[in-house]
Amino acid sequence: MNRQDAPGSHRAVQRFRAEWAVLDLYQRFEQIVAMVLSAVIAVIIAVSLWQLISTVYLLLLVAAFNPLDHKIFQTVFGMIMTLLIAMEFKHSIIKVAFRYENIIQVKTVLLIALIALARKFVILDPDVSPAQVAALAGATLALGATYWLLRERDDRSDVLAKRGAAPRQEGLA
């Protein structure tokens, strides 16, 4: 996607209007839901950003901002990671709303889940049980491996598409 086709650009809005005319009723419903979700998430992001700024400002004002203090680290970086998750989620919805993709991609869902797990590790209390850490590590490993496999598949498909060859479907004659 180049800069002129970015969501909100004049060309993207024109393309959206042209595509809207040919959508059936359900596709229009999906577009409206995606735009409403995007607006709701934008409000959540704005409120969360305001809370982050207020928290950091108050910590600086009271001179209690010590990023090495575990509780302060958990609070501030937990809020930052939450913002990153919300922004990635909004980005994936915008791609659907502007019809760059028809559905939320599995890789995007896996990426959001990995960010959420990274957030969980950041805000984890030091006295958590080893079993819980192992379970979180296992989930992270499984999601990471799945994401890697999907990325590898997509990279191979892109290379084949650039060469002009269609990707080979295994098991089909």
Foldseek 3Di string as FASTA:
>chain_A
DDPCCPPPHPVLVVLLVVVVVPDDPVLVVLLVVLVVVLVVLVVVLVVLVVVLVVVVVVCVVVVNDDCVPLVNVLVNVLSVLVSVLSVLVSVQSVCCNSVVDVDRDPLSVLVSVLSVLVNCVSNPDPPDDPVVVVVSVVVNVVSVVVSVVVVVVVVVQVVCVVVVHHDDDPPDD
